[in-house]
Protein backbone atom coordinates (compact mmCIF):
# COMPACT_ATOMS: atom_id res chain seq x y z
CA MET A 1 -9.49 -20.81 1.46
CA SER A 2 -10.53 -17.20 0.85
CA GLU A 3 -13.90 -16.20 2.27
CA ILE A 4 -15.77 -13.24 0.79
CA ILE A 5 -18.43 -11.93 3.18
CA PRO A 6 -20.90 -9.03 2.64
CA PHE A 7 -21.30 -6.55 5.47
CA LYS A 8 -23.38 -3.55 6.52
CA GLY A 9 -21.05 -0.76 5.54
CA VAL A 10 -20.89 2.58 7.31
CA LEU A 11 -20.82 5.51 4.89
CA PHE A 12 -20.89 9.28 5.09
CA ASN A 13 -24.34 10.83 4.62
CA PRO A 14 -24.15 13.51 1.89
CA GLU A 15 -27.37 15.09 3.19
CA LYS A 16 -25.53 15.88 6.40
CA VAL A 17 -21.91 16.44 5.36
CA GLY A 18 -22.42 17.84 1.86
CA ASP A 19 -19.60 17.39 -0.68
CA LEU A 20 -18.22 13.90 -0.03
CA SER A 21 -14.83 14.74 -1.51
CA ARG A 22 -14.22 17.04 1.47
CA VAL A 23 -14.54 14.27 4.05
CA MET A 24 -12.18 11.81 2.32
CA ALA A 25 -8.42 11.44 2.86
CA PRO A 26 -5.48 9.46 1.50
CA PRO A 27 -4.12 6.52 3.57
CA TYR A 28 -2.80 7.49 6.99
CA ASP A 29 0.81 6.56 6.19
CA VAL A 30 1.12 9.15 3.41
CA ILE A 31 -0.43 12.05 5.34
CA SER A 32 2.20 14.63 6.26
CA PRO A 33 1.68 17.04 9.19
CA LYS A 34 0.95 19.78 6.66
CA LEU A 35 -1.70 17.70 4.89
CA GLN A 36 -3.14 16.65 8.24
CA ASP A 37 -3.70 20.33 9.10
CA GLU A 38 -5.27 20.92 5.69
CA LEU A 39 -7.63 17.95 6.06
CA TYR A 40 -8.65 19.12 9.53
CA SER A 41 -9.57 22.53 8.16
CA ARG A 42 -11.20 21.12 5.02
CA HIS A 43 -14.27 19.74 6.83
CA PRO A 44 -15.27 19.09 10.46
CA ASN A 45 -16.16 15.50 9.51
CA ASN A 46 -13.04 14.70 7.54
CA ILE A 47 -12.03 11.06 8.11
CA VAL A 48 -8.55 12.16 9.20
CA ARG A 49 -10.02 12.83 12.66
CA LEU A 50 -10.63 9.11 12.94
CA GLU A 51 -7.79 7.62 10.93
CA LEU A 52 -4.93 9.94 11.96
CA GLY A 53 -6.03 12.33 14.68
CA LYS A 54 -3.74 15.05 16.01
CA VAL A 55 -1.63 14.62 19.11
CA ASN A 56 -2.43 17.37 21.61
CA GLU A 57 -0.26 18.73 24.36
CA GLY A 58 -1.29 17.14 27.64
CA ASP A 59 -2.60 13.92 26.09
CA SER A 60 -2.61 10.94 28.43
CA GLU A 61 -3.74 7.32 28.39
CA GLY A 62 -7.49 7.28 27.77
CA SER A 63 -7.52 10.92 26.74
CA ASP A 64 -5.63 11.03 23.48
CA ARG A 65 -6.08 10.91 19.74
CA TYR A 66 -7.39 7.34 19.93
CA SER A 67 -10.13 8.16 22.45
CA ARG A 68 -11.01 11.29 20.45
CA ALA A 69 -11.31 9.17 17.28
CA ALA A 70 -13.76 6.87 19.06
CA SER A 71 -15.75 9.86 20.34
CA PHE A 72 -15.96 11.36 16.85
CA LEU A 73 -17.04 8.01 15.38
CA HIS A 74 -19.83 7.52 17.95
CA LYS A 75 -20.99 11.13 17.65
CA TRP A 76 -21.09 11.07 13.86
CA LEU A 77 -23.10 7.86 13.94
CA ALA A 78 -25.51 9.28 16.52
CA ASP A 79 -25.93 12.55 14.59
CA GLY A 80 -26.48 10.83 11.24
CA GLU A 81 -23.32 12.13 9.57
CA LEU A 82 -22.42 8.47 9.23
CA ILE A 83 -25.10 5.93 8.31
CA ARG A 84 -24.91 2.16 8.44
CA ASP A 85 -26.46 0.23 5.57
CA ARG A 86 -29.51 -1.85 6.48
CA ARG A 87 -28.57 -4.88 4.38
CA PRO A 88 -25.25 -6.72 3.99
CA ALA A 89 -23.56 -5.72 0.76
CA ILE A 90 -20.30 -5.68 -1.13
CA TYR A 91 -19.10 -2.44 -2.69
CA TYR A 92 -17.80 -2.17 -6.24
CA TYR A 93 -14.97 0.38 -6.26
CA THR A 94 -13.23 1.80 -9.35
CA GLN A 95 -10.41 4.33 -9.59
CA THR A 96 -9.79 6.13 -12.88
CA SER A 97 -6.43 7.83 -13.38
CA PRO A 98 -5.28 10.12 -16.18
CA VAL A 99 -2.29 8.73 -18.09
CA ALA A 100 0.00 10.04 -20.81
CA GLY A 101 -1.57 11.01 -24.09
CA GLY A 102 -4.84 12.15 -22.57
CA ASN A 103 -6.02 8.59 -21.93
CA GLU A 104 -7.39 7.07 -18.74
CA LEU A 105 -6.71 3.87 -16.85
CA THR A 106 -9.29 2.31 -14.52
CA ARG A 107 -8.49 -0.14 -11.74
CA LYS A 108 -11.48 -2.22 -10.64
CA GLY A 109 -12.16 -4.10 -7.43
CA PHE A 110 -14.69 -4.71 -4.70
CA ILE A 111 -14.83 -4.19 -0.95
CA ALA A 112 -16.03 -6.98 1.32
CA LEU A 113 -15.00 -8.80 4.47
CA SER A 114 -12.50 -11.63 4.52
CA ARG A 115 -11.81 -14.05 7.34
CA LEU A 116 -8.49 -13.29 9.01
CA GLN A 117 -5.85 -15.96 8.43
CA ASP A 118 -2.46 -16.25 10.08
CA PHE A 119 0.36 -15.85 7.58
CA GLY A 120 1.75 -19.21 6.53
CA LYS A 121 -1.40 -21.06 7.58
CA GLY A 122 -3.91 -20.04 4.93
CA SER A 123 -4.36 -18.45 1.54
CA ILE A 124 -3.52 -14.83 2.46
CA HIS A 125 0.09 -13.90 1.81
CA PRO A 126 2.15 -10.80 2.66
CA HIS A 127 4.92 -9.57 0.40
CA GLU A 128 6.64 -6.87 2.49
CA LYS A 129 8.17 -6.61 5.95
CA THR A 130 6.49 -4.58 8.68
CA LEU A 131 7.65 -2.45 11.63
CA SER A 132 6.49 -2.70 15.23
CA GLY A 133 5.78 1.02 15.70
CA PRO A 134 2.95 1.40 13.15
CA LYS A 135 1.34 -1.84 14.37
CA ALA A 136 1.22 -0.59 17.97
CA ASP A 137 -0.35 2.67 16.79
CA ARG A 138 -2.97 0.93 14.65
CA LEU A 139 -3.83 -1.52 17.44
CA ARG A 140 -4.57 1.29 19.87
CA LEU A 141 -6.84 2.90 17.27
CA MET A 142 -8.66 -0.37 16.58
CA GLN A 143 -9.15 -1.03 20.28
CA ALA A 144 -10.58 2.44 20.81
CA CYS A 145 -12.89 2.55 17.77
CA GLU A 146 -13.70 -1.14 17.34
CA ALA A 147 -13.87 -0.62 13.61
CA ASN A 148 -12.07 -1.06 10.31
CA LEU A 149 -11.72 2.54 9.17
CA SER A 150 -9.89 1.72 5.92
CA CYS A 151 -9.41 -1.26 3.61
CA ILE A 152 -6.60 -3.73 3.28
CA PHE A 153 -5.62 -3.78 -0.40
CA SER A 154 -5.41 -7.37 -1.65
CA LEU A 155 -4.75 -8.95 -5.03
CA TYR A 156 -6.09 -12.13 -6.60
CA SER A 157 -5.44 -13.74 -9.96
CA GLU A 158 -8.17 -14.47 -12.49
CA PRO A 159 -6.90 -14.08 -16.06
CA GLY A 160 -10.40 -14.53 -17.49
CA LEU A 161 -11.61 -11.37 -15.69
CA GLY A 162 -14.98 -13.02 -15.02
CA ILE A 163 -15.44 -11.38 -11.61
CA ASN A 164 -14.82 -7.93 -13.04
CA GLU A 165 -17.32 -8.64 -15.80
CA MET A 166 -19.88 -9.79 -13.22
CA LEU A 167 -19.41 -6.58 -11.22
CA GLU A 168 -19.59 -4.39 -14.32
CA GLU A 169 -22.75 -6.12 -15.53
CA THR A 170 -24.42 -5.66 -12.14
CA VAL A 171 -23.89 -1.88 -12.00
CA ARG A 172 -24.24 -1.15 -15.72
CA GLY A 173 -26.71 1.69 -16.29
CA SER A 174 -26.87 2.68 -12.63
CA SER A 175 -25.41 5.76 -10.99
CA PRO A 176 -22.67 5.22 -8.41
CA LEU A 177 -23.42 5.59 -4.73
CA MET A 178 -20.67 8.19 -4.68
CA SER A 179 -18.25 9.70 -7.16
CA VAL A 180 -15.42 11.88 -5.85
CA VAL A 181 -12.22 13.22 -7.33
CA ASP A 182 -9.32 13.18 -4.90
CA ASP A 183 -6.40 15.58 -4.55
CA GLU A 184 -4.39 13.70 -7.18
CA GLY A 185 -7.15 13.94 -9.77
CA ILE A 186 -8.21 10.29 -9.39
CA ARG A 187 -11.94 9.69 -9.93
CA ASN A 188 -13.19 7.31 -7.23
CA ARG A 189 -16.59 5.68 -7.74
CA LEU A 190 -18.45 3.33 -5.43
CA TRP A 191 -21.55 1.20 -6.02
CA ARG A 192 -23.45 -0.82 -3.41
CA ILE A 193 -24.29 -4.40 -4.46
CA ASP A 194 -26.74 -6.13 -2.12
CA ASP A 195 -28.21 -8.70 -4.53
CA GLN A 196 -27.49 -11.94 -2.66
CA ARG A 197 -27.28 -14.01 -5.84
CA VAL A 198 -24.60 -11.72 -7.26
CA ILE A 199 -22.72 -11.73 -3.96
CA ALA A 200 -22.91 -15.52 -3.79
CA GLY A 201 -21.66 -15.78 -7.37
CA ILE A 202 -18.66 -13.59 -6.65
CA SER A 203 -17.97 -15.45 -3.40
CA GLU A 204 -18.00 -18.79 -5.22
CA SER A 205 -15.75 -17.41 -7.98
CA MET A 206 -13.24 -16.32 -5.33
CA GLU A 207 -13.16 -19.70 -3.56
CA GLY A 208 -9.73 -21.27 -3.53
CA ARG A 209 -7.97 -18.19 -4.87
CA PRO A 210 -4.94 -17.08 -2.85
CA LEU A 211 -4.83 -13.43 -1.81
CA PHE A 212 -1.71 -11.29 -1.85
CA ILE A 213 -1.59 -8.19 0.33
CA ALA A 214 -0.58 -5.24 -1.83
CA ASP A 215 -0.96 -2.50 0.79
CA GLY A 216 -1.96 -2.53 4.43
CA HIS A 217 0.47 -5.09 5.91
CA HIS A 218 0.64 -3.22 9.23
CA ARG A 219 -3.14 -2.98 9.51
CA TYR A 220 -3.61 -6.64 8.61
CA GLU A 221 -1.17 -7.79 11.28
CA THR A 222 -2.85 -5.38 13.68
CA ALA A 223 -6.20 -7.05 12.95
CA LEU A 224 -4.64 -10.43 13.72
CA ASN A 225 -3.37 -9.12 17.06
CA TYR A 226 -6.77 -7.58 17.83
CA ARG A 227 -8.52 -10.86 17.01
CA ASN A 228 -6.19 -12.77 19.31
CA LEU A 229 -6.79 -10.32 22.15
CA MET A 230 -10.57 -10.48 21.70
CA LYS A 231 -10.54 -14.27 21.39
CA ALA A 232 -8.63 -14.55 24.67
CA LYS A 233 -11.28 -12.43 26.42
CA ASN A 234 -14.23 -14.30 24.95
CA GLY A 235 -14.94 -17.57 26.70
CA ASN A 236 -17.67 -18.35 24.15
CA HIS A 237 -15.59 -17.69 21.04
CA THR A 238 -17.19 -19.25 17.94
CA GLY A 239 -15.08 -17.88 15.08
CA LEU A 240 -18.04 -15.95 13.66
CA GLU A 241 -17.62 -12.79 15.74
CA PRO A 242 -16.90 -9.60 13.76
CA TYR A 243 -13.33 -9.42 15.06
CA ASN A 244 -12.52 -12.58 13.07
CA PHE A 245 -12.95 -10.66 9.80
CA ILE A 246 -11.24 -7.72 8.10
CA MET A 247 -12.51 -5.23 5.52
CA MET A 248 -10.63 -5.73 2.27
CA TYR A 249 -10.47 -4.34 -1.22
CA PHE A 250 -10.03 -7.18 -3.74
CA SER A 251 -8.51 -6.37 -7.13
CA ASN A 252 -7.51 -8.63 -10.01
CA MET A 253 -3.76 -8.52 -10.64
CA ASP A 254 -4.38 -9.67 -14.23
CA ASP A 255 -6.45 -6.60 -15.11
CA GLN A 256 -4.84 -3.91 -17.25
CA GLY A 257 -5.66 -1.27 -14.64
CA MET A 258 -3.10 -2.69 -12.17
CA THR A 259 -0.18 -0.28 -11.84
CA ILE A 260 2.95 -0.49 -9.68
CA LEU A 261 5.24 2.51 -9.36
CA PRO A 262 8.77 2.51 -7.95
CA THR A 263 9.90 4.05 -4.68
CA HIS A 264 13.35 5.62 -4.88
CA ARG A 265 16.00 5.62 -2.14
CA VAL A 266 17.97 8.56 -0.77
CA ILE A 267 20.93 7.55 1.42
CA HIS A 268 22.23 9.86 4.12
CA SER A 269 24.59 10.19 7.09
CA LEU A 270 27.09 7.49 6.09
CA LYS A 271 30.28 7.89 8.11
CA ASN A 272 33.58 8.11 6.22
CA PHE A 273 31.81 7.87 2.88
CA ASP A 274 34.16 8.22 -0.10
CA ALA A 275 32.43 8.56 -3.47
CA ASN A 276 35.40 7.33 -5.52
CA VAL A 277 35.88 4.23 -3.36
CA PHE A 278 32.15 3.50 -3.60
CA ILE A 279 32.06 3.82 -7.40
CA ASN A 280 35.12 1.62 -7.82
CA GLU A 281 33.56 -1.02 -5.58
CA CYS A 282 30.35 -0.93 -7.64
CA LYS A 283 32.38 -1.58 -10.81
CA LYS A 284 33.14 -5.08 -9.54
CA TYR A 285 29.47 -6.02 -9.85
CA PHE A 286 27.90 -3.56 -12.28
CA ASP A 287 28.45 -2.18 -15.74
CA ILE A 288 28.35 1.58 -15.25
CA GLU A 289 27.28 4.09 -17.88
CA GLU A 290 28.09 7.73 -17.05
CA ARG A 291 26.10 10.73 -18.22
CA PRO A 292 27.84 13.99 -17.20
CA PHE A 293 25.93 17.27 -17.15
CA ASP A 294 26.33 20.95 -16.39
CA ASP A 295 23.93 23.70 -15.39
CA ARG A 296 22.87 24.29 -18.99
CA ASN A 297 21.87 20.74 -19.95
CA GLU A 298 21.11 19.08 -16.59
CA LEU A 299 17.36 18.64 -17.18
CA GLU A 300 17.87 17.23 -20.66
CA VAL A 301 20.53 14.79 -19.44
CA ARG A 302 18.36 13.79 -16.50
CA LYS A 303 15.48 12.89 -18.80
CA GLY A 304 17.71 10.71 -20.95
CA PHE A 305 19.20 9.15 -17.83
CA ILE A 306 15.77 8.20 -16.44
CA ASP A 307 14.71 6.76 -19.80
CA ARG A 308 17.93 4.74 -19.97
CA VAL A 309 17.34 3.26 -16.49
CA ALA A 310 13.94 2.00 -17.70
CA VAL A 311 15.40 0.45 -20.85
CA ALA A 312 18.28 -1.21 -18.97
CA GLY A 313 15.84 -2.64 -16.44
CA LYS A 314 13.97 -4.61 -19.09
CA SER A 315 16.76 -7.15 -19.44
CA ALA A 316 18.65 -7.00 -16.13
CA SER A 317 18.64 -5.50 -12.65
CA ALA A 318 19.44 -1.83 -13.16
CA PHE A 319 19.40 1.40 -11.15
CA GLY A 320 20.01 5.05 -11.62
CA LEU A 321 22.61 6.61 -9.33
CA PHE A 322 23.32 10.20 -8.40
CA VAL A 323 26.20 10.97 -6.04
CA ARG A 324 25.95 14.33 -4.34
CA GLY A 325 28.76 16.69 -5.26
CA GLY A 326 29.29 15.31 -8.75
CA ASN A 327 27.77 16.46 -12.01
CA VAL A 328 27.13 13.04 -13.43
CA TYR A 329 24.22 10.60 -13.55
CA ARG A 330 25.12 6.91 -13.69
CA VAL A 331 23.20 3.84 -14.85
CA LEU A 332 24.25 0.69 -12.96
CA THR A 333 23.41 -2.60 -14.69
CA LEU A 334 24.17 -5.88 -12.92
CA LYS A 335 26.86 -7.78 -14.81
CA ALA A 336 25.88 -10.91 -16.68
CA GLY A 337 26.86 -14.35 -15.48
CA ASP A 338 24.54 -14.85 -12.54
CA MET A 339 26.34 -12.28 -10.41
CA MET A 340 23.99 -12.57 -7.40
CA ARG A 341 24.59 -16.33 -7.20
CA LYS A 342 28.35 -15.80 -7.39
CA VAL A 343 28.23 -13.26 -4.55
CA PHE A 344 25.63 -14.79 -2.24
CA GLY A 345 25.37 -18.45 -3.26
CA ASP A 346 22.37 -20.01 -1.53
CA ARG A 347 22.17 -17.38 1.22
CA ILE A 348 19.49 -15.52 -0.75
CA PRO A 349 16.42 -17.44 -2.01
CA GLU A 350 16.34 -17.97 -5.76
CA VAL A 351 13.12 -15.98 -6.21
CA PHE A 352 14.85 -12.92 -4.73
CA LYS A 353 17.94 -12.86 -6.92
CA GLY A 354 16.24 -11.23 -9.90
CA LEU A 355 14.56 -8.48 -7.87
CA ASP A 356 15.99 -4.99 -8.21
CA VAL A 357 15.18 -4.25 -4.56
CA THR A 358 17.13 -7.32 -3.42
CA VAL A 359 20.15 -6.40 -5.53
CA LEU A 360 20.05 -2.87 -4.18
CA HIS A 361 19.49 -3.71 -0.52
CA SER A 362 21.68 -6.83 -0.28
CA LEU A 363 24.52 -6.03 -2.65
CA ILE A 364 24.83 -2.26 -2.61
CA LEU A 365 23.37 -1.06 0.69
CA ASN A 366 24.52 -3.97 2.85
CA ARG A 367 27.64 -5.41 1.23
CA ILE A 368 29.18 -2.27 -0.30
CA LEU A 369 27.93 0.52 1.96
CA GLY A 370 27.76 -1.50 5.15
CA ILE A 371 24.17 -0.60 6.07
CA THR A 372 22.99 -3.61 8.04
CA GLN A 373 19.62 -5.23 7.47
CA GLU A 374 18.53 -4.04 10.92
CA ALA A 375 19.52 -0.46 10.08
CA GLN A 376 17.66 -0.72 6.78
CA GLU A 377 14.52 -1.97 8.50
CA GLN A 378 14.69 0.89 10.99
CA GLN A 379 15.30 3.35 8.11
CA GLU A 380 18.38 4.74 9.87
CA ASN A 381 20.15 5.86 6.68
CA ILE A 382 17.35 5.70 4.12
CA VAL A 383 14.66 8.11 3.00
CA TYR A 384 12.00 6.80 0.60
CA VAL A 385 10.75 9.17 -2.11
CA LYS A 386 8.07 8.43 -4.69
CA ASN A 387 8.90 11.01 -7.37
CA CYS A 388 12.14 10.72 -9.32
CA ASP A 389 12.82 14.46 -9.66
CA GLU A 390 11.96 15.00 -6.01
CA ALA A 391 14.40 12.24 -5.00
CA ILE A 392 17.23 13.95 -6.86
CA SER A 393 16.29 17.30 -5.35
CA VAL A 394 16.24 15.79 -1.85
CA GLY A 395 19.59 14.12 -2.53
CA LYS A 396 21.23 17.52 -2.93
CA LYS A 397 20.22 18.71 0.54
CA ASP A 398 21.13 18.27 4.20
CA ALA A 399 23.20 15.17 5.05
CA ASN A 400 22.06 13.23 1.98
CA GLN A 401 24.78 11.59 -0.09
CA LEU A 402 23.35 9.15 -2.66
CA VAL A 403 20.18 8.76 -4.70
CA PHE A 404 19.10 5.45 -6.23
CA ILE A 405 16.45 5.59 -8.96
CA LEU A 406 14.52 2.31 -9.27
CA ASN A 407 12.30 0.66 -11.83
CA PRO A 408 8.94 -0.67 -10.61
CA THR A 409 8.64 -4.22 -9.29
CA ARG A 410 6.59 -6.36 -11.67
CA ILE A 411 3.30 -7.84 -10.50
CA GLN A 412 4.39 -11.41 -11.24
CA GLN A 413 7.45 -10.88 -9.04
CA VAL A 414 5.17 -9.85 -6.17
CA LYS A 415 3.11 -12.99 -6.69
CA ALA A 416 6.17 -15.28 -6.87
CA VAL A 417 7.71 -13.89 -3.67
CA ALA A 418 4.44 -14.14 -1.74
CA GLU A 419 3.74 -17.68 -2.95
CA ALA A 420 7.21 -18.69 -1.78
CA GLY A 421 6.28 -17.53 1.71
CA LEU A 422 8.86 -14.74 1.62
CA VAL A 423 8.72 -10.97 2.05
CA MET A 424 10.45 -8.20 0.12
CA PRO A 425 12.32 -5.27 1.67
CA GLN A 426 10.13 -2.37 2.74
CA LYS A 427 8.85 -0.03 0.06
CA SER A 428 9.39 -2.59 -2.71
CA THR A 429 6.07 -1.74 -4.31
CA TYR A 430 3.87 1.32 -4.64
CA PHE A 431 0.49 0.30 -6.00
CA TYR A 432 -1.06 3.28 -7.75
CA PRO A 433 -3.42 4.87 -7.09
CA LYS A 434 -3.74 4.60 -3.32
CA LEU A 435 -7.15 3.61 -1.98
CA LEU A 436 -9.19 6.54 -0.73
CA THR A 437 -9.97 6.47 2.99
CA GLY A 438 -13.53 7.32 4.04
CA LEU A 439 -15.55 5.58 1.33
CA VAL A 440 -16.88 2.85 3.60
CA MET A 441 -16.12 1.58 7.13
CA ASN A 442 -16.86 -1.61 9.04
CA ILE A 443 -18.03 -1.66 12.66
CA LEU A 444 -16.61 -4.49 14.79
CA GLY A 445 -17.90 -3.60 18.25
CA GLU A 446 -21.19 -5.44 18.16
CA ASN A 447 -22.37 -8.61 19.87
CA THR A 448 -23.30 -10.18 16.55
CA HIS A 449 -22.03 -12.94 14.33
CA VAL A 450 -21.07 -12.84 10.67
CA ALA A 451 -22.56 -15.31 8.20
CA ALA A 452 -21.42 -16.19 4.72
CA PRO A 453 -23.73 -15.54 1.75
CA ALA A 454 -25.98 -18.35 0.61
CA LYS A 455 -24.81 -20.53 -2.26
CA VAL A 456 -26.32 -19.95 -5.67
């Protein structure tokens, strides 16, 4: 059962740090070295110093970016640049994005604590695979700082939208605690809700609802590992210590503000790759529509090609394909007649067979191109790119050979895979916008216990 717990959040103090937008950052896993430098220079209290500190020459165990993050955290708390709320609260968080036609789309959710649950033994479900490297990095940071510096992004289902209405009603007419516009033009607003009756009402409304991790799989598994380490050290473990809980953002997958974008694949460094052999092999499984171009009409053809991929994907698994060295865009649509069952039989779970990412990774990357599952998981021949035009541009450089343009995974597909206890290939979903890091933090390193809110 899901548990929603208020907590005493740690927030930046605008009286000390000034413009709050200058101390925020995107999630650590999308921060490039260039952006890291920019965030460092943007403000001396930018959250990047905690979440993704720089590696310095001469670093050693106990004197590295993890120990520096802990030092910054303790100093900022001592100096008042960070302030901990006096009362347990949940935090209503909305993100408003500009969309086509001059309109806006707002995703709504709230930040609270949730009890950690082992996957497969509770109501919290992953949907993507993880790698060992990021988990080791995040564990060292958690051990040093004893804090949740950023939120796990989770989804729940409530078609009636009653929780969102309850949150909206509670903050209606009040100014947000903070309102910042990030580098992508997303307006992020945060309200503190410490009315215990409201918190109890939301907690009761969330009871029994399964949670699906949208983003933050590595950090969630890290928190499980941290809990297990702390539990082993604590001879008086009760289950109410702070390390048994994780800071989460909860958002309703049935709300119109929920957006998933695709992540495209660029394939590189394939030995003995022959474009003609590859295309002929694809013809066994896919109907292929070709759209040739030249220097004069390339952009126009590309636009039509991208639109066609979207249309084809409404009724079948479909991808866009660009092969380096050829002036043609191709739309690959999986042939009718239950092709995935014919090829794989029962070796692939039924819920996977209609997923574009499964068709791409199992049929094209593995079966046709010979990229093993292990190589895929280690990203040996794959580069992931969010923007379609950027993916095509990248595909024309260096040792890159192929570009696959994907349609977004649908939210109900994410739910079905997670409920089946399965996980998708990496980068199957890109929930947009990303949560902003630095809005609120949760301190774990205290000799205190966590209590659930009272019932209404």
